[in-house]
């Protein structure tokens, strides 16, 4: 499981989404990259994932 924490240009509040696979995370980021101001991907074991 992966957690993506992010802010957008239209909503500066931090939001978190959970994903079951890294492929789901990559798809989400590709579709929303223009909207994201900042994001971090964290694996369920606590390690930050660099994409």
PDB file of N, CA and C in Angstrom:
ATOM      1  N   UNK A   1       0.845  -1.168   0.000  1.00  0.00           N
ATOM      2  CA  UNK A   1       0.000   0.000   0.000  1.00  0.00           C
ATOM      3  C   UNK A   1       0.897   1.241   0.000  1.00  0.00           C
ATOM      4  N   UNK A   2       0.415   2.275  -0.688  1.00  0.00           N
ATOM      5  CA  UNK A   2       1.141   3.535  -0.801  1.00  0.00           C
ATOM      6  C   UNK A   2       0.220   4.680  -0.410  1.00  0.00           C
ATOM      7  N   UNK A   3       0.787   5.679   0.210  1.00  0.00           N
ATOM      8  CA  UNK A   3       0.063   6.879   0.588  1.00  0.00           C
ATOM      9  C   UNK A   3       0.659   8.046  -0.182  1.00  0.00           C
ATOM     10  N   UNK A   4      -0.196   8.824  -0.841  1.00  0.00           N
ATOM     11  CA  UNK A   4       0.250  10.023  -1.534  1.00  0.00           C
ATOM     12  C   UNK A   4      -0.329  11.217  -0.791  1.00  0.00           C
ATOM     13  N   UNK A   5       0.537  12.066  -0.281  1.00  0.00           N
ATOM     14  CA  UNK A   5       0.119  13.297   0.382  1.00  0.00           C
ATOM     15  C   UNK A   5       0.452  14.438  -0.557  1.00  0.00           C
ATOM     16  N   UNK A   6      -0.507  15.341  -0.749  1.00  0.00           N
ATOM     17  CA  UNK A   6      -0.276  16.399  -1.725  1.00  0.00           C
ATOM     18  C   UNK A   6      -1.090  17.644  -1.422  1.00  0.00           C
ATOM     19  N   UNK A   7      -0.663  18.739  -2.045  1.00  0.00           N
ATOM     20  CA  UNK A   7      -1.434  19.973  -2.087  1.00  0.00           C
ATOM     21  C   UNK A   7      -1.592  20.332  -3.562  1.00  0.00           C
ATOM     22  N   UNK A   8      -2.635  21.092  -3.853  1.00  0.00           N
ATOM     23  CA  UNK A   8      -2.849  21.545  -5.228  1.00  0.00           C
ATOM     24  C   UNK A   8      -2.805  23.065  -5.254  1.00  0.00           C
ATOM     25  N   UNK A   9      -2.729  23.601  -6.449  1.00  0.00           N
ATOM     26  CA  UNK A   9      -2.712  25.054  -6.589  1.00  0.00           C
ATOM     27  C   UNK A   9      -4.048  25.668  -6.193  1.00  0.00           C
ATOM     28  N   UNK A  10      -5.132  24.910  -6.317  1.00  0.00           N
ATOM     29  CA  UNK A  10      -6.454  25.437  -5.973  1.00  0.00           C
ATOM     30  C   UNK A  10      -6.859  25.138  -4.545  1.00  0.00           C
ATOM     31  N   UNK A  11      -6.163  24.190  -3.883  1.00  0.00           N
ATOM     32  CA  UNK A  11      -6.481  23.833  -2.506  1.00  0.00           C
ATOM     33  C   UNK A  11      -5.180  23.637  -1.740  1.00  0.00           C
ATOM     34  N   UNK A  12      -4.762  24.632  -0.954  1.00  0.00           N
ATOM     35  CA  UNK A  12      -3.479  24.524  -0.262  1.00  0.00           C
ATOM     36  C   UNK A  12      -3.497  23.568   0.935  1.00  0.00           C
ATOM     37  N   UNK A  13      -4.676  23.054   1.328  1.00  0.00           N
ATOM     38  CA  UNK A  13      -4.742  22.096   2.428  1.00  0.00           C
ATOM     39  C   UNK A  13      -4.174  20.752   1.973  1.00  0.00           C
ATOM     40  N   UNK A  14      -3.460  20.080   2.874  1.00  0.00           N
ATOM     41  CA  UNK A  14      -2.867  18.793   2.519  1.00  0.00           C
ATOM     42  C   UNK A  14      -3.940  17.713   2.449  1.00  0.00           C
ATOM     43  N   UNK A  15      -3.863  16.901   1.417  1.00  0.00           N
ATOM     44  CA  UNK A  15      -4.807  15.816   1.186  1.00  0.00           C
ATOM     45  C   UNK A  15      -4.008  14.522   1.064  1.00  0.00           C
ATOM     46  N   UNK A  16      -4.585  13.410   1.517  1.00  0.00           N
ATOM     47  CA  UNK A  16      -3.931  12.110   1.412  1.00  0.00           C
ATOM     48  C   UNK A  16      -4.845  11.112   0.725  1.00  0.00           C
ATOM     49  N   UNK A  17      -4.269  10.319  -0.162  1.00  0.00           N
ATOM     50  CA  UNK A  17      -4.978   9.226  -0.826  1.00  0.00           C
ATOM     51  C   UNK A  17      -4.163   7.958  -0.645  1.00  0.00           C
ATOM     52  N   UNK A  18      -4.855   6.834  -0.481  1.00  0.00           N
ATOM     53  CA  UNK A  18      -4.188   5.537  -0.398  1.00  0.00           C
ATOM     54  C   UNK A  18      -4.349   4.798  -1.718  1.00  0.00           C
ATOM     55  N   UNK A  19      -3.279   4.118  -2.124  1.00  0.00           N
ATOM     56  CA  UNK A  19      -3.287   3.334  -3.356  1.00  0.00           C
ATOM     57  C   UNK A  19      -2.726   1.951  -3.054  1.00  0.00           C
ATOM     58  N   UNK A  20      -3.220   0.948  -3.788  1.00  0.00           N
ATOM     59  CA  UNK A  20      -2.790  -0.426  -3.565  1.00  0.00           C
ATOM     60  C   UNK A  20      -1.499  -0.801  -4.257  1.00  0.00           C
ATOM     61  N   UNK A  21      -1.143  -0.084  -5.320  1.00  0.00           N
ATOM     62  CA  UNK A  21       0.073  -0.444  -6.054  1.00  0.00           C
ATOM     63  C   UNK A  21       0.786   0.811  -6.542  1.00  0.00           C
ATOM     64  N   UNK A  22       2.058   0.651  -6.835  1.00  0.00           N
ATOM     65  CA  UNK A  22       2.844   1.775  -7.339  1.00  0.00           C
ATOM     66  C   UNK A  22       2.360   2.190  -8.723  1.00  0.00           C
ATOM     67  N   UNK A  23       1.828   1.238  -9.493  1.00  0.00           N
ATOM     68  CA  UNK A  23       1.280   1.580 -10.809  1.00  0.00           C
ATOM     69  C   UNK A  23       0.073   2.505 -10.677  1.00  0.00           C
ATOM     70  N   UNK A  24      -0.761   2.273  -9.657  1.00  0.00           N
ATOM     71  CA  UNK A  24      -1.897   3.165  -9.406  1.00  0.00           C
ATOM     72  C   UNK A  24      -1.417   4.562  -9.030  1.00  0.00           C
ATOM     73  N   UNK A  25      -0.353   4.626  -8.244  1.00  0.00           N
ATOM     74  CA  UNK A  25       0.224   5.921  -7.857  1.00  0.00           C
ATOM     75  C   UNK A  25       0.724   6.655  -9.098  1.00  0.00           C
ATOM     76  N   UNK A  26       1.466   5.956  -9.946  1.00  0.00           N
ATOM     77  CA  UNK A  26       2.019   6.578 -11.156  1.00  0.00           C
ATOM     78  C   UNK A  26       0.913   7.086 -12.072  1.00  0.00           C
ATOM     79  N   UNK A  27      -0.154   6.304 -12.219  1.00  0.00           N
ATOM     80  CA  UNK A  27      -1.284   6.726 -13.050  1.00  0.00           C
ATOM     81  C   UNK A  27      -1.925   7.985 -12.486  1.00  0.00           C
ATOM     82  N   UNK A  28      -2.141   8.013 -11.173  1.00  0.00           N
ATOM     83  CA  UNK A  28      -2.724   9.192 -10.527  1.00  0.00           C
ATOM     84  C   UNK A  28      -1.849  10.422 -10.746  1.00  0.00           C
ATOM     85  N   UNK A  29      -0.545  10.278 -10.541  1.00  0.00           N
ATOM     86  CA  UNK A  29       0.364  11.416 -10.694  1.00  0.00           C
ATOM     87  C   UNK A  29       0.416  11.903 -12.140  1.00  0.00           C
ATOM     88  N   UNK A  30       0.418  10.978 -13.089  1.00  0.00           N
ATOM     89  CA  UNK A  30       0.443  11.372 -14.501  1.00  0.00           C
ATOM     90  C   UNK A  30      -0.811  12.153 -14.879  1.00  0.00           C
ATOM     91  N   UNK A  31      -1.957  11.717 -14.393  1.00  0.00           N
ATOM     92  CA  UNK A  31      -3.218  12.371 -14.739  1.00  0.00           C
ATOM     93  C   UNK A  31      -3.381  13.722 -14.054  1.00  0.00           C
ATOM     94  N   UNK A  32      -2.736  13.916 -12.911  1.00  0.00           N
ATOM     95  CA  UNK A  32      -2.959  15.113 -12.112  1.00  0.00           C
ATOM     96  C   UNK A  32      -1.726  15.986 -11.924  1.00  0.00           C
ATOM     97  N   UNK A  33      -0.660  15.693 -12.630  1.00  0.00           N
ATOM     98  CA  UNK A  33       0.610  16.403 -12.413  1.00  0.00           C
ATOM     99  C   UNK A  33       0.481  17.923 -12.535  1.00  0.00           C
ATOM    100  N   UNK A  34      -0.325  18.399 -13.470  1.00  0.00           N
ATOM    101  CA  UNK A  34      -0.468  19.846 -13.672  1.00  0.00           C
ATOM    102  C   UNK A  34      -1.185  20.521 -12.514  1.00  0.00           C
ATOM    103  N   UNK A  35      -1.988  19.779 -11.776  1.00  0.00           N
ATOM    104  CA  UNK A  35      -2.743  20.344 -10.656  1.00  0.00           C
ATOM    105  C   UNK A  35      -1.967  20.324  -9.346  1.00  0.00           C
ATOM    106  N   UNK A  36      -0.985  19.429  -9.251  1.00  0.00           N
ATOM    107  CA  UNK A  36      -0.290  19.226  -7.986  1.00  0.00           C
ATOM    108  C   UNK A  36       0.782  20.283  -7.760  1.00  0.00           C
ATOM    109  N   UNK A  37       0.712  20.910  -6.602  1.00  0.00           N
ATOM    110  CA  UNK A  37       1.734  21.875  -6.225  1.00  0.00           C
ATOM    111  C   UNK A  37       2.901  21.152  -5.560  1.00  0.00           C
ATOM    112  N   UNK A  38       2.590  20.200  -4.719  1.00  0.00           N
ATOM    113  CA  UNK A  38       3.585  19.433  -3.970  1.00  0.00           C
ATOM    114  C   UNK A  38       3.019  18.052  -3.714  1.00  0.00           C
ATOM    115  N   UNK A  39       3.861  17.028  -3.762  1.00  0.00           N
ATOM    116  CA  UNK A  39       3.406  15.695  -3.377  1.00  0.00           C
ATOM    117  C   UNK A  39       4.568  14.872  -2.834  1.00  0.00           C
ATOM    118  N   UNK A  40       4.234  13.910  -2.010  1.00  0.00           N
ATOM    119  CA  UNK A  40       5.197  12.941  -1.506  1.00  0.00           C
ATOM    120  C   UNK A  40       4.496  11.587  -1.491  1.00  0.00           C
ATOM    121  N   UNK A  41       5.238  10.541  -1.885  1.00  0.00           N
ATOM    122  CA  UNK A  41       4.711   9.183  -1.903  1.00  0.00           C
ATOM    123  C   UNK A  41       5.421   8.401  -0.801  1.00  0.00           C
ATOM    124  N   UNK A  42       4.625   7.756   0.064  1.00  0.00           N
ATOM    125  CA  UNK A  42       5.168   7.011   1.187  1.00  0.00           C
ATOM    126  C   UNK A  42       4.671   5.574   1.114  1.00  0.00           C
ATOM    127  N   UNK A  43       5.591   4.610   1.213  1.00  0.00           N
ATOM    128  CA  UNK A  43       5.227   3.195   1.253  1.00  0.00           C
ATOM    129  C   UNK A  43       4.679   2.882   2.645  1.00  0.00           C
ATOM    130  N   UNK A  44       3.892   1.811   2.760  1.00  0.00           N
ATOM    131  CA  UNK A  44       3.278   1.465   4.051  1.00  0.00           C
ATOM    132  C   UNK A  44       4.309   1.202   5.141  1.00  0.00           C
ATOM    133  N   UNK A  45       5.550   0.889   4.769  1.00  0.00           N
ATOM    134  CA  UNK A  45       6.587   0.676   5.774  1.00  0.00           C
ATOM    135  C   UNK A  45       7.225   1.981   6.262  1.00  0.00           C
ATOM    136  N   UNK A  46       6.763   3.118   5.702  1.00  0.00           N
ATOM    137  CA  UNK A  46       7.246   4.421   6.147  1.00  0.00           C
ATOM    138  C   UNK A  46       8.310   5.034   5.276  1.00  0.00           C
ATOM    139  N   UNK A  47       8.823   4.298   4.296  1.00  0.00           N
ATOM    140  CA  UNK A  47       9.859   4.839   3.416  1.00  0.00           C
ATOM    141  C   UNK A  47       9.262   5.748   2.350  1.00  0.00           C
ATOM    142  N   UNK A  48       9.931   6.861   2.111  1.00  0.00           N
ATOM    143  CA  UNK A  48       9.529   7.770   1.051  1.00  0.00           C
ATOM    144  C   UNK A  48       9.964   7.173  -0.285  1.00  0.00           C
ATOM    145  N   UNK A  49       9.064   7.183  -1.256  1.00  0.00           N
ATOM    146  CA  UNK A  49       9.327   6.606  -2.579  1.00  0.00           C
ATOM    147  C   UNK A  49       9.629   7.732  -3.551  1.00  0.00           C
ATOM    148  N   UNK A  50      10.767   7.658  -4.211  1.00  0.00           N
ATOM    149  CA  UNK A  50      11.126   8.662  -5.214  1.00  0.00           C
ATOM    150  C   UNK A  50      10.681   8.170  -6.576  1.00  0.00           C
ATOM    151  N   UNK A  51       9.932   9.002  -7.292  1.00  0.00           N
ATOM    152  CA  UNK A  51       9.465   8.650  -8.639  1.00  0.00           C
ATOM    153  C   UNK A  51      10.055   9.596  -9.650  1.00  0.00           C
TER     154      UNK A  51
END
